[in-house]
Protein backbone atom coordinates (compact mmCIF):
# COMPACT_ATOMS: atom_id res chain seq x y z
CA MET A 1 -43.70 -11.82 -20.81
CA LYS A 2 -40.82 -8.93 -21.92
CA ALA A 3 -41.87 -5.72 -22.93
CA ARG A 4 -42.27 -5.24 -26.94
CA ALA A 5 -40.82 -2.30 -28.22
CA GLY A 6 -43.14 -2.18 -32.08
CA THR A 7 -44.42 0.49 -33.02
CA SER A 8 -48.33 -0.83 -32.81
CA ASP A 9 -51.46 1.53 -32.27
CA GLU A 10 -51.18 1.21 -29.03
CA ASP A 11 -47.41 1.83 -28.46
CA ALA A 12 -48.34 5.11 -30.71
CA ALA A 13 -51.30 5.86 -28.12
CA GLY A 14 -48.43 5.68 -25.21
CA VAL A 15 -49.60 2.32 -23.38
CA TRP A 16 -47.18 -0.32 -23.09
CA ASP A 17 -47.81 -4.06 -24.24
CA ASP A 18 -46.88 -5.92 -21.36
CA GLY A 19 -48.00 -9.01 -23.00
CA LEU A 20 -50.62 -11.48 -22.42
CA ILE A 21 -50.23 -11.78 -18.56
CA ALA A 22 -49.77 -8.46 -18.07
CA ARG A 23 -52.91 -7.36 -20.03
CA ARG A 24 -54.85 -9.99 -17.25
CA VAL A 25 -53.64 -7.40 -14.56
CA THR A 26 -54.18 -4.34 -16.10
CA GLU A 27 -56.92 -4.54 -18.02
CA GLY A 28 -59.10 -1.77 -18.07
CA LEU A 29 -55.90 0.78 -17.52
CA THR A 30 -55.92 3.88 -19.38
CA ALA A 31 -52.72 5.98 -20.42
CA GLU A 32 -53.18 8.82 -18.36
CA GLN A 33 -52.85 6.09 -15.39
CA ALA A 34 -49.53 4.64 -16.18
CA PRO A 35 -47.91 6.95 -18.36
CA LEU A 36 -44.90 6.57 -20.18
CA GLU A 37 -41.58 8.29 -19.30
CA PRO A 38 -41.25 11.13 -22.13
CA ARG A 39 -38.35 10.13 -24.84
CA ALA A 40 -37.08 13.04 -25.29
CA PRO A 41 -37.68 15.42 -22.12
CA GLY A 42 -37.09 19.18 -22.41
CA PRO A 43 -33.95 21.20 -20.80
CA GLN A 44 -34.65 20.97 -17.08
CA THR A 45 -32.73 22.09 -14.03
CA VAL A 46 -30.79 19.28 -12.25
CA THR A 47 -29.24 20.25 -9.11
CA PRO A 48 -26.07 17.87 -8.97
CA LEU A 49 -25.40 15.89 -5.86
CA ALA A 50 -22.89 18.06 -3.09
CA TYR A 51 -20.83 15.65 -1.14
CA ASP A 52 -19.91 17.11 2.69
CA GLY A 53 -16.36 18.13 3.80
CA PRO A 54 -15.45 14.08 5.33
CA LEU A 55 -16.49 12.39 1.95
CA ARG A 56 -14.95 14.01 -0.40
CA SER A 57 -11.89 13.96 1.94
CA ARG A 58 -12.49 10.36 1.74
CA LEU A 59 -12.48 10.09 -1.81
CA ASP A 60 -9.52 12.42 -2.95
CA ALA A 61 -7.47 10.17 -0.60
CA LEU A 62 -8.46 6.80 -2.11
CA ARG A 63 -7.68 8.58 -5.19
CA GLU A 64 -4.62 9.64 -4.08
CA LEU A 65 -4.25 6.43 -2.51
CA VAL A 66 -4.87 4.43 -6.34
CA GLY A 67 -2.64 6.76 -7.78
CA LEU A 68 0.26 6.18 -5.40
CA SER A 69 0.23 2.50 -5.64
CA ARG A 70 -0.13 2.20 -9.42
CA THR A 71 3.47 1.11 -9.87
CA ARG A 72 3.01 -1.46 -6.62
CA LEU A 73 0.06 -2.94 -7.11
CA ASP A 74 -1.74 -4.69 -10.05
CA ASN A 75 -4.69 -3.56 -11.78
CA ARG A 76 -7.15 -6.27 -10.22
CA THR A 77 -6.46 -4.82 -6.33
CA LEU A 78 -7.15 -1.62 -7.42
CA ALA A 79 -10.10 -2.50 -9.55
CA GLU A 80 -13.04 -1.84 -7.35
CA ALA A 81 -11.18 1.66 -5.56
CA GLY A 82 -10.84 2.77 -9.25
CA ARG A 83 -14.79 1.77 -9.85
CA VAL A 84 -15.90 3.23 -6.86
CA LEU A 85 -13.95 6.35 -7.65
CA ASP A 86 -15.88 6.78 -11.18
CA GLU A 87 -18.99 6.00 -9.62
CA ALA A 88 -18.96 8.40 -7.36
CA SER A 89 -17.80 11.03 -9.84
CA ALA A 90 -20.82 10.02 -12.30
CA ARG A 91 -22.84 9.77 -9.71
CA ARG A 92 -21.94 13.39 -8.37
CA ARG A 93 -22.68 15.00 -11.60
CA LEU A 94 -26.21 14.09 -11.64
CA SER A 95 -29.25 14.87 -9.66
CA GLY A 96 -28.88 15.25 -5.92
CA GLN A 97 -32.77 15.90 -5.77
CA HIS A 98 -33.54 12.50 -6.60
CA THR A 99 -33.23 8.89 -4.85
CA VAL A 100 -32.84 6.07 -6.98
CA VAL A 101 -33.85 2.76 -5.11
CA ALA A 102 -34.37 -0.69 -6.00
CA ILE A 103 -36.46 -3.39 -5.66
CA ALA A 104 -34.26 -6.94 -5.76
CA GLY A 105 -36.11 -10.34 -4.69
CA ALA A 106 -36.08 -13.53 -5.79
CA THR A 107 -38.61 -15.74 -7.73
CA GLY A 108 -41.97 -15.44 -6.43
CA SER A 109 -41.03 -12.84 -3.01
CA GLY A 110 -43.49 -10.53 -4.77
CA LYS A 111 -41.64 -8.11 -5.23
CA SER A 112 -42.98 -6.63 -8.69
CA GLN A 113 -46.53 -6.67 -6.86
CA LEU A 114 -44.88 -4.55 -4.10
CA PHE A 115 -43.40 -1.78 -7.33
CA ASN A 116 -47.13 -2.05 -8.82
CA ALA A 117 -48.23 -1.24 -5.18
CA LEU A 118 -45.90 1.71 -4.55
CA ALA A 119 -46.58 3.10 -7.75
CA GLY A 120 -50.40 2.92 -7.16
CA VAL A 121 -50.97 1.28 -10.64
CA PRO A 122 -49.63 -1.92 -11.96
CA ILE A 123 -46.78 -1.09 -14.23
CA SER A 124 -44.55 -4.08 -14.12
CA GLU A 125 -45.34 -7.66 -15.10
CA THR A 126 -46.70 -10.45 -12.91
CA GLY A 127 -47.96 -13.54 -12.89
CA VAL A 128 -47.11 -17.15 -12.47
CA ARG A 129 -44.78 -17.88 -14.85
CA ARG A 130 -41.40 -17.80 -13.57
CA PRO A 131 -39.07 -15.39 -13.93
CA THR A 132 -41.83 -12.66 -14.85
CA THR A 133 -39.46 -9.73 -14.70
CA ALA A 134 -36.83 -9.81 -17.41
CA ALA A 135 -35.76 -6.31 -17.56
CA PRO A 136 -35.26 -3.62 -15.27
CA ILE A 137 -38.07 -1.02 -15.34
CA ALA A 138 -37.72 2.59 -13.77
CA CYS A 139 -40.64 4.56 -12.07
CA SER A 140 -40.09 8.27 -11.50
CA TRP A 141 -41.96 10.74 -9.00
CA SER A 142 -40.50 13.68 -10.37
CA ASP A 143 -38.86 15.55 -13.36
CA GLY A 144 -35.06 15.68 -13.95
CA ALA A 145 -34.28 12.13 -13.32
CA VAL A 146 -33.30 11.22 -16.91
CA GLY A 147 -29.94 11.77 -16.40
CA LEU A 148 -29.97 9.00 -13.53
CA ILE A 149 -31.87 6.22 -15.27
CA GLU A 150 -29.86 6.26 -18.21
CA ARG A 151 -27.03 6.32 -16.29
CA LEU A 152 -28.58 2.87 -15.10
CA GLY A 153 -29.30 1.65 -19.00
CA ILE A 154 -32.61 1.42 -18.36
CA PRO A 155 -34.02 2.51 -22.31
CA PRO A 156 -37.03 4.86 -22.20
CA ARG A 157 -39.64 2.27 -23.54
CA LEU A 158 -39.45 0.73 -19.90
CA ARG A 159 -39.10 4.46 -17.84
CA ARG A 160 -42.97 4.65 -16.50
CA ARG A 161 -44.36 7.43 -14.36
CA PRO A 162 -46.84 6.67 -10.85
CA LEU A 163 -50.56 7.24 -10.82
CA GLN A 164 -51.62 10.84 -10.66
CA ASN A 165 -51.77 11.00 -7.25
CA PRO A 166 -50.88 14.58 -5.37
CA ASP A 167 -50.81 13.01 -1.87
CA SER A 168 -48.12 10.09 -3.33
CA GLU A 169 -46.07 12.37 -5.57
CA GLN A 170 -45.41 14.86 -2.29
CA GLN A 171 -44.82 12.15 0.05
CA LEU A 172 -42.23 10.15 -2.13
CA ARG A 173 -41.25 13.67 -4.61
CA GLY A 174 -37.61 12.77 -5.89
CA LEU A 175 -38.05 8.95 -5.55
CA ILE A 176 -36.86 6.79 -8.55
CA LEU A 177 -37.94 3.19 -8.45
CA VAL A 178 -36.64 0.28 -9.97
CA ASP A 179 -37.84 -3.48 -10.24
CA LEU A 180 -35.03 -5.44 -10.88
CA PRO A 181 -34.99 -9.03 -12.15
CA ASP A 182 -35.03 -11.68 -9.89
CA HIS A 183 -31.64 -12.47 -8.52
CA ASP A 184 -32.03 -16.12 -8.87
CA SER A 185 -32.88 -16.37 -12.31
CA ALA A 186 -32.52 -19.09 -14.34
CA ALA A 187 -31.22 -16.78 -17.04
CA VAL A 188 -27.59 -15.06 -16.42
CA GLN A 189 -28.39 -12.02 -18.14
CA HIS A 190 -31.13 -11.24 -15.84
CA ARG A 191 -28.50 -11.98 -12.96
CA GLU A 192 -25.79 -9.72 -14.23
CA GLN A 193 -28.20 -7.15 -14.72
CA VAL A 194 -28.81 -7.09 -10.59
CA ASP A 195 -25.40 -7.29 -10.19
CA ARG A 196 -24.92 -4.53 -12.30
CA ILE A 197 -27.78 -1.94 -11.42
CA LEU A 198 -27.10 -2.82 -7.81
CA LYS A 199 -23.70 -1.07 -7.88
CA LEU A 200 -25.20 1.93 -9.27
CA VAL A 201 -28.37 2.32 -7.32
CA ASP A 202 -28.56 4.69 -3.82
CA ALA A 203 -30.18 2.48 -1.69
CA VAL A 204 -31.79 -1.14 -2.16
CA ILE A 205 -35.07 -2.89 -1.38
CA TRP A 206 -34.75 -6.37 -0.41
CA VAL A 207 -38.11 -8.39 -1.10
CA VAL A 208 -38.16 -11.83 0.90
CA ASP A 209 -41.50 -14.31 1.58
CA PRO A 210 -41.77 -16.77 4.17
CA GLU A 211 -40.39 -19.50 1.93
CA LYS A 212 -37.24 -17.97 1.27
CA TYR A 213 -36.41 -15.40 3.30
CA ALA A 214 -33.21 -18.26 4.92
CA ASP A 215 -32.00 -18.85 1.05
CA ALA A 216 -27.98 -19.30 1.43
CA MET A 217 -27.88 -17.91 -2.30
CA LEU A 218 -29.74 -14.08 -1.49
CA HIS A 219 -27.50 -13.93 2.35
CA GLU A 220 -24.18 -14.72 0.55
CA ARG A 221 -24.27 -13.58 -2.01
CA TYR A 222 -25.44 -10.19 -1.55
CA LEU A 223 -26.65 -9.45 1.76
CA ARG A 224 -23.72 -10.55 4.00
CA PRO A 225 -21.45 -8.59 1.29
CA MET A 226 -23.84 -5.40 1.69
CA ALA A 227 -23.55 -5.74 5.28
CA GLY A 228 -21.24 -2.16 5.57
CA HIS A 229 -24.73 -0.53 3.10
CA ALA A 230 -27.12 -1.23 5.98
CA GLU A 231 -27.97 1.85 6.11
CA VAL A 232 -29.25 2.19 3.03
CA MET A 233 -30.93 -1.08 2.52
CA PHE A 234 -35.15 -1.97 3.36
CA ILE A 235 -35.31 -5.78 4.21
CA VAL A 236 -38.93 -6.40 3.60
CA LEU A 237 -41.01 -9.92 4.08
CA ASN A 238 -43.46 -9.80 1.79
CA GLN A 239 -46.66 -11.88 1.67
CA ILE A 240 -47.57 -11.89 5.40
CA ASP A 241 -51.38 -12.60 4.42
CA ARG A 242 -49.99 -16.56 4.28
CA LEU A 243 -48.68 -16.51 7.77
CA PRO A 244 -51.50 -17.47 10.56
CA GLY A 245 -51.35 -16.01 14.33
CA GLU A 246 -48.57 -14.78 15.46
CA ALA A 247 -45.95 -16.31 12.81
CA THR A 248 -45.22 -13.45 11.43
CA ASP A 249 -43.76 -12.19 14.68
CA LEU A 250 -41.84 -15.11 14.91
CA VAL A 251 -40.43 -15.25 11.27
CA LEU A 252 -39.53 -11.33 11.45
CA ASP A 253 -37.20 -12.72 14.77
CA ASP A 254 -35.53 -15.68 12.90
CA LEU A 255 -35.38 -13.28 9.87
CA ARG A 256 -33.39 -10.12 12.35
CA ARG A 257 -31.26 -13.16 13.79
CA LEU A 258 -29.74 -13.85 10.09
CA LEU A 259 -29.42 -10.50 9.41
CA ASP A 260 -27.31 -10.12 12.15
CA GLU A 261 -25.05 -13.14 11.69
CA ASP A 262 -24.60 -11.37 8.41
CA GLY A 263 -23.25 -8.43 10.42
CA ILE A 264 -25.95 -6.20 9.16
CA ALA A 265 -26.75 -3.55 11.45
CA LEU A 266 -30.53 -3.19 11.67
CA GLY A 267 -32.17 0.54 12.22
CA GLU A 268 -33.69 -0.41 15.47
CA TYR A 269 -34.19 2.33 18.69
CA GLY A 270 -32.69 4.93 16.60
CA GLU A 271 -29.16 3.75 15.72
CA PRO A 272 -28.80 3.82 12.19
CA GLY A 273 -28.85 0.86 10.19
CA ALA A 274 -31.21 -1.56 7.78
CA THR A 275 -35.12 -0.75 8.06
CA VAL A 276 -36.68 -4.16 8.58
CA LEU A 277 -40.95 -4.04 7.73
CA ALA A 278 -43.51 -7.04 7.32
CA LEU A 279 -46.22 -6.50 4.66
CA SER A 280 -48.37 -7.43 2.00
CA ALA A 281 -48.25 -6.43 -1.37
CA LEU A 282 -51.27 -8.09 -2.01
CA THR A 283 -53.63 -6.81 0.79
CA GLY A 284 -51.60 -3.89 1.42
CA ASP A 285 -51.39 -4.35 4.65
CA GLY A 286 -48.11 -2.57 6.01
CA VAL A 287 -47.19 -0.87 2.47
CA GLY A 288 -48.24 2.69 4.06
CA ASP A 289 -45.76 2.21 6.65
CA LEU A 290 -43.23 1.14 3.98
CA ARG A 291 -44.03 4.26 1.73
CA GLU A 292 -43.82 6.85 4.92
CA SER A 293 -40.27 4.91 5.61
CA LEU A 294 -39.14 5.50 2.05
CA GLY A 295 -40.98 8.99 1.69
CA GLN A 296 -38.58 10.05 4.96
CA PHE A 297 -35.67 8.32 3.28
CA VAL A 298 -35.81 9.86 0.18
CA ALA A 299 -36.61 13.59 1.88
CA GLU A 300 -33.27 13.40 3.53
CA ARG A 301 -31.48 13.65 0.37
CA GLY A 302 -28.73 11.38 2.31
CA ALA A 303 -28.83 8.29 0.43
CA ALA A 304 -26.28 8.81 -2.30
CA ALA A 305 -23.41 10.37 -0.40
CA ARG A 306 -24.05 7.63 2.19
CA ARG A 307 -23.95 4.83 -0.41
CA ILE A 308 -20.74 6.28 -2.01
CA ALA A 309 -19.15 6.28 1.66
CA ALA A 310 -20.29 2.55 2.05
CA ASP A 311 -19.16 1.47 -1.20
CA VAL A 312 -15.62 3.34 -0.19
CA ASP A 313 -15.83 1.43 3.53
CA ALA A 314 -15.81 -1.35 0.91
CA ALA A 315 -13.18 -0.53 -0.92
CA ALA A 316 -10.74 0.03 1.92
CA ASP A 317 -11.54 -3.23 3.78
CA GLY A 318 -11.03 -4.96 0.53
CA LEU A 319 -7.50 -3.11 0.68
CA ARG A 320 -6.93 -3.61 3.69
CA PRO A 321 -4.72 -6.79 3.12
CA VAL A 322 -1.87 -4.54 1.17
CA TYR A 323 -1.75 -1.51 3.29
CA ALA A 324 -2.36 -2.53 6.79
CA ASN A 325 0.82 -4.01 8.72
CA ARG A 326 1.68 -5.08 12.05
CA ARG A 327 4.19 -2.34 13.20
CA ARG A 328 5.56 0.94 11.87
CA PRO A 329 7.77 0.59 9.00
CA GLY A 330 10.95 1.61 8.74
CA LEU A 331 14.69 0.95 9.38
CA SER A 332 16.24 0.91 12.92
CA GLU A 333 19.67 2.31 13.39
CA GLU A 334 20.58 -0.51 14.91
CA ALA A 335 20.08 -2.35 11.51
CA ARG A 336 21.50 0.41 9.04
CA GLU A 337 24.56 0.32 12.01
CA GLU A 338 24.76 -3.40 11.28
CA PHE A 339 24.61 -3.33 7.34
CA ALA A 340 27.96 -0.47 7.33
CA ALA A 341 29.60 -2.98 9.30
CA ARG A 342 28.85 -6.04 7.46
CA LEU A 343 30.16 -3.88 4.46
CA ALA A 344 32.90 -2.82 6.07
CA ASP A 345 34.05 -5.94 6.49
CA ALA A 346 33.50 -7.52 3.31
CA VAL A 347 35.51 -4.89 1.97
CA GLY A 348 38.63 -5.73 4.53
CA ALA A 349 38.14 -2.50 6.65
CA THR A 350 39.87 -4.33 9.23
CA ALA A 351 42.48 -5.49 7.88
CA ALA A 352 43.76 -2.68 6.13
CA GLY A 353 43.67 -0.72 9.29
CA GLU A 354 46.10 -3.52 10.37
CA ALA A 355 47.65 -3.22 7.46
CA ALA A 356 48.65 0.50 7.93
CA GLU A 357 49.40 0.17 11.37
CA ARG A 358 52.21 -2.34 10.39
CA ALA A 359 53.01 0.46 7.41
CA TRP A 360 53.23 2.99 9.85
CA LEU A 361 55.39 0.52 11.88
CA ARG A 362 58.05 0.02 9.36
CA ASN A 363 58.39 3.02 8.36
CA ALA A 364 59.25 4.37 11.99
CA ASN A 365 61.93 1.25 11.97
CA ARG A 366 63.29 2.48 8.36
CA ALA A 367 63.91 5.71 9.48
CA CYS A 368 65.17 4.74 13.26
CA GLY A 369 66.83 1.52 12.95
CA THR A 370 70.27 0.92 13.23
CA PRO A 371 72.48 1.44 9.57
CA TRP A 372 73.05 -2.22 9.64
CA LEU A 373 69.45 -3.48 9.93
CA ARG A 374 68.23 -0.66 7.66
CA LEU A 375 70.30 -2.44 4.55
CA TRP A 376 68.96 -6.10 5.70
CA ARG A 377 65.70 -4.50 5.36
CA TRP A 378 66.53 -2.91 2.09
CA TYR A 379 67.70 -6.01 0.48
CA HIS A 380 64.75 -8.14 1.75
CA ASP A 381 62.20 -5.64 0.26
CA ARG A 382 63.65 -5.40 -3.27
CA ARG A 383 62.33 -9.14 -3.18
CA GLU A 384 58.96 -7.92 -2.22
CA PRO A 385 56.48 -5.09 -3.33
CA PRO A 386 57.47 -1.63 -1.87
CA THR A 387 53.97 -1.21 -1.57
CA GLY A 388 54.28 -1.30 2.27
CA ARG A 389 50.29 -2.73 2.66
CA LEU A 390 48.65 -6.01 2.47
CA PRO A 391 46.66 -6.61 -1.05
CA LEU A 392 42.91 -6.95 -0.54
CA ARG A 393 41.46 -9.60 -2.40
CA ALA A 394 44.56 -10.75 -3.90
CA GLN A 395 42.67 -14.36 -3.93
CA PRO A 396 39.69 -15.79 -6.56
CA ASP A 397 38.71 -17.20 -3.43
CA GLU A 398 38.49 -14.14 -1.28
CA GLU A 399 36.87 -12.43 -3.75
CA ALA A 400 34.01 -15.11 -3.78
CA THR A 401 33.50 -14.52 -0.24
CA ALA A 402 33.76 -11.00 -0.11
CA ARG A 403 30.93 -10.83 -2.77
CA GLN A 404 28.95 -13.50 -0.71
CA ARG A 405 29.15 -11.28 2.62
CA VAL A 406 28.10 -8.00 0.46
CA GLU A 407 25.10 -10.31 -1.06
CA HIS A 408 24.31 -11.68 2.96
CA ALA A 409 24.30 -8.10 4.46
CA VAL A 410 21.67 -6.64 1.26
CA ARG A 411 19.39 -9.67 2.46
CA THR A 412 19.47 -8.89 5.89
CA VAL A 413 18.50 -5.27 5.40
CA ALA A 414 15.89 -5.98 3.04
CA ASP A 415 14.30 -8.57 5.32
CA ARG A 416 14.40 -6.14 7.81
CA ALA A 417 12.95 -3.44 6.23
CA SER A 418 10.13 -5.24 4.77
CA ALA A 419 9.55 -7.47 7.85
CA GLY A 420 5.86 -6.76 8.80
CA LEU A 421 5.12 -5.06 5.57
CA PRO A 422 2.46 -6.18 3.12
CA ALA A 423 3.20 -8.67 1.05
CA PRO A 424 2.90 -5.97 -2.03
CA TRP A 425 5.29 -3.87 -0.75
CA ALA A 426 7.26 -5.73 1.14
CA GLN A 427 8.28 -7.25 -2.02
CA ALA A 428 8.94 -3.90 -3.92
CA VAL A 429 11.61 -3.07 -0.42
CA ARG A 430 12.72 -6.13 -1.56
CA GLU A 431 13.51 -5.61 -5.30
CA ALA A 432 14.75 -2.08 -4.69
CA ALA A 433 17.67 -3.36 -2.68
CA VAL A 434 18.17 -6.47 -5.27
CA ARG A 435 18.46 -3.34 -7.54
CA GLY A 436 20.94 -1.85 -5.62
CA ALA A 437 23.16 -4.31 -5.02
CA HIS A 438 24.03 -5.20 -8.68
CA GLY A 439 27.53 -3.70 -9.31
CA LEU A 440 28.03 -2.93 -5.41
CA PRO A 441 30.62 -5.45 -4.90
CA GLU A 442 32.54 -3.88 -7.50
CA ALA A 443 32.11 -0.54 -6.41
CA LEU A 444 33.13 -1.28 -2.93
CA ASP A 445 36.26 -2.91 -4.91
CA GLU A 446 36.93 0.53 -6.43
CA LEU A 447 36.38 2.33 -3.47
CA ALA A 448 38.57 0.35 -1.11
CA ALA A 449 41.25 1.46 -3.51
CA ARG A 450 40.57 4.66 -3.28
CA ALA A 451 39.93 4.87 0.40
CA GLY A 452 42.24 3.26 1.73
CA LEU A 453 46.09 3.74 2.27
CA PRO A 454 47.01 6.72 1.00
CA PRO A 455 49.78 6.64 -1.79
CA GLY A 456 53.40 7.28 -0.71
CA ARG A 457 55.06 6.24 2.76
CA PRO A 458 53.19 7.28 6.09
CA PRO A 459 53.49 10.80 7.81
CA ARG A 460 56.61 11.19 9.93
CA PRO A 461 56.07 12.77 13.37
CA GLY A 462 58.74 15.50 14.65
CA TRP A 463 60.49 13.42 16.84
CA TRP A 464 61.56 11.22 13.57
CA PRO A 465 64.45 13.43 12.69
CA VAL A 466 65.61 13.93 16.39
CA ALA A 467 65.49 9.70 16.30
CA VAL A 468 67.40 9.74 13.23
CA LEU A 469 70.51 12.06 13.88
CA ALA A 470 70.50 10.14 17.30
CA GLN A 471 70.99 7.14 15.69
CA ALA A 472 73.59 8.85 12.73
CA CYS A 473 75.57 9.59 15.75
CA MET A 474 75.82 6.19 17.43
CA THR A 475 76.69 5.00 14.01
CA LEU A 476 79.29 7.90 13.81
CA LEU A 477 80.57 6.84 17.11
CA GLN A 478 80.92 3.14 15.66
CA ILE A 479 82.93 4.36 12.44
CA VAL A 480 85.06 6.74 14.63
CA GLY A 481 86.33 3.58 17.17
CA GLY A 482 86.41 1.29 14.21
CA LEU A 483 88.80 3.46 12.22
CA TRP A 484 90.75 4.77 15.41
CA LEU A 485 91.39 0.99 15.96
CA ALA A 486 92.48 0.59 12.43
CA GLY A 487 94.92 3.36 12.73
CA GLN A 488 96.47 1.69 15.85
CA ILE A 489 96.75 -1.72 14.23
CA VAL A 490 98.45 -0.32 11.19
CA GLY A 491 101.03 2.00 13.56
CA VAL A 492 99.53 5.27 12.63
CA MET A 493 98.21 6.15 16.04
CA ALA A 494 99.46 5.77 19.33
CA PRO A 495 98.26 2.76 21.02
CA ASN A 496 95.11 3.40 23.01
CA LEU A 497 92.38 0.62 23.44
CA GLY A 498 89.85 2.20 26.01
CA VAL A 499 89.00 5.07 24.48
CA PRO A 500 87.96 3.81 20.65
CA VAL A 501 86.36 0.37 22.24
CA LEU A 502 84.51 2.26 24.81
CA LEU A 503 83.14 4.92 21.42
CA MET A 504 82.33 1.72 19.32
CA LEU A 505 80.81 0.23 22.29
CA CYS A 506 78.48 3.27 22.94
CA GLY A 507 77.43 3.31 19.07
CA ILE A 508 76.82 -0.29 18.88
CA VAL A 509 74.47 -0.71 22.05
CA GLY A 510 73.65 2.80 21.76
CA GLY A 511 72.03 2.49 18.13
CA PRO A 512 69.44 -0.57 18.87
CA LEU A 513 68.38 0.81 22.45
CA ILE A 514 67.46 4.56 20.22
CA GLU A 515 65.81 1.81 17.40
CA TRP A 516 64.03 -0.21 20.85
CA GLY A 517 62.95 3.68 22.15
CA CYS A 518 61.58 4.51 18.21
CA ARG A 519 59.46 1.20 18.40
CA MET A 520 57.86 1.68 21.57
CA ALA A 521 57.35 5.75 20.74
CA ALA A 522 55.71 4.29 17.13
CA ARG A 523 53.28 2.21 18.50
CA GLY A 524 50.63 4.62 19.31
CA PRO A 525 50.73 6.59 16.17
CA ALA A 526 50.60 3.67 14.34
CA ARG A 527 47.69 2.56 16.10
CA ARG A 528 45.82 5.63 15.70
CA TYR A 529 47.04 5.96 11.97
CA GLY A 530 45.54 2.56 11.33
CA GLN A 531 42.61 3.51 13.04
CA GLU A 532 41.85 6.61 10.71
CA ALA A 533 42.91 3.96 7.70
CA GLU A 534 40.10 1.93 9.01
CA ARG A 535 37.72 4.66 10.22
CA ARG A 536 37.79 5.95 6.71
CA LEU A 537 37.30 2.99 4.58
CA ARG A 538 34.14 2.03 6.78
CA GLU A 539 33.01 5.46 6.33
CA ALA A 540 33.27 5.28 2.89
CA ALA A 541 32.18 1.34 2.52
CA GLY A 542 28.78 2.80 3.91
CA ALA A 543 27.93 5.72 2.09
CA CYS A 544 28.42 3.30 -0.95
CA GLY A 545 25.99 1.14 0.83
CA ARG A 546 23.85 4.15 1.88
CA ALA A 547 23.43 5.31 -1.47
CA ARG A 548 22.85 2.55 -3.03
CA VAL A 549 20.58 0.32 -0.77
CA LEU A 550 19.56 2.57 2.14
CA ASP A 551 18.57 5.59 0.25
CA PRO A 552 16.33 3.48 -2.27
CA LEU A 553 14.86 1.49 0.80
CA ALA A 554 13.96 4.63 2.48
CA ALA A 555 12.44 5.75 -0.80
CA GLU A 556 10.00 2.80 -0.73
CA LEU A 557 8.99 2.58 2.76
CA LEU A 558 8.82 6.34 2.45
CA ARG A 559 5.99 5.67 -0.53
CA TYR A 560 4.24 2.80 1.94
CA ARG A 561 3.96 5.49 5.12
CA GLU A 562 2.38 8.51 2.25
CA VAL A 563 0.17 5.66 1.19
CA ARG A 564 -0.81 4.42 4.68
CA GLU A 565 -1.30 7.84 5.48
CA GLN A 566 -3.95 8.01 2.71
CA TYR A 567 -5.39 4.68 3.82
CA ALA A 568 -6.19 5.96 6.81
CA ARG A 569 -7.83 8.96 5.65
CA VAL A 570 -9.90 6.68 3.27
CA THR A 571 -11.10 4.49 6.31
CA GLY A 572 -11.62 8.10 8.10
CA VAL A 573 -8.96 7.74 10.49
CA GLY A 574 -7.84 11.72 10.31
CA VAL A 575 -10.27 13.48 8.54
CA GLY A 576 -11.28 16.04 10.96
CA ALA A 577 -7.56 16.79 10.81
CA SER A 578 -7.58 16.99 7.10
CA ARG A 579 -10.20 19.27 6.40
């Protein structure tokens, strides 16, 4: 039966009305034996909880990790980490001289009976009705615990003080004991109360009985998920008075086996872990051992920090899939060069270089060729655009092919950059690449027009004027020889065929020879000119791709490396270096 918050005479006198069943067990109990916690306590000096350096560093790293991840991970993924930070901050502001310990157990395990035995007075409802504990009840062994109890949401009418016993008070000074509802209660609100308060207390005493110690609900819903909190857990096998002979040892061994399967470390042989005890709250057998262990545990004043550290461990373990990766993040130099090469191929850097080489050779032939050949080329050039360059992507299908090459290059480099990353960060890397690829083909086309061949004719080397002069001399010899022969034909000059024919022959043969020599000499400079044009276009394409795609990818990878470093600090790796 639930406690009533009425205003009866007994309430006014300070006696808690526990209901019919509770009155049967507490018959004859005076107000002095089970006093209520003062409803409005006066000002008390409370020493806040202080975290040590490594734990502070881990909490700071977790806070930084959550901040860096807000735009990359959804709120549900970061919810537990945010809750741990909030609870750590709230617990730090409250008393560091008190330890909040919850007693949890299934229906009929005798946890309320154990609560009363530790308090030295029956103040929690017990009986045969199931479930018996409908709301959490808190019992404090010293003053200054109001803030911690209020954090649990326990109203003043459910706050108690233990029996006035100097030895007990000294042994358990600083303890706040909370009796929880049954975790297997049929009432949903009872189970919700248990789940809520278990996240707020500093330690837990799990009470099991010989019949339900292997209950799957207890192990799968509570013990296994809380395996990392072993150092702030007590596992108590109650009701050993019901076990005959050596059955207690057998049940304890089987319980330890189950706890080992749950991953719960046992604090045996001086090692840190959960404390496993056997007792009978009804007869009092073993309760003293629990009180002694609990007293030492509370006197250490370290349960709250260990609980927060275990919560940080659990939060870090839950975040492992979104931060742990199989390789070091980053883009290799080979991947960067391959991306730049793909973009250069997309803009036709090789074709542009070849066009530049042909343009240089064509201009060399024009400058050093015979006049008759130059006249023929002039006539031919009038029928075609005199640009001296091959048009890049003049056809729609060529433009589509170039766009496909750019998209393929972006996808390839994004896949390489995101390989091995956790799914959210791999997705962020790919999205950054897609954003950078918008407008990239158009930017490359504009860049190709600017960084391709320079306007006007290619530069002329120093030997061109000599070749032009020599070609002019050969032409002059042909003209002189022709005029000489014409003068002989019309009778103006004396007949002499040898000299004019020789002059004309020298001009006719010498002109093509000079042109052929100039063409051979022009191959090297033309090749270098084409290679320079190709290099310039490749560098420009690489710079455009780097600015639009590689730099955003590098920024995402850098952010991931930062969160990885923070995550390593959260897990405890590198904490010493950060102190």
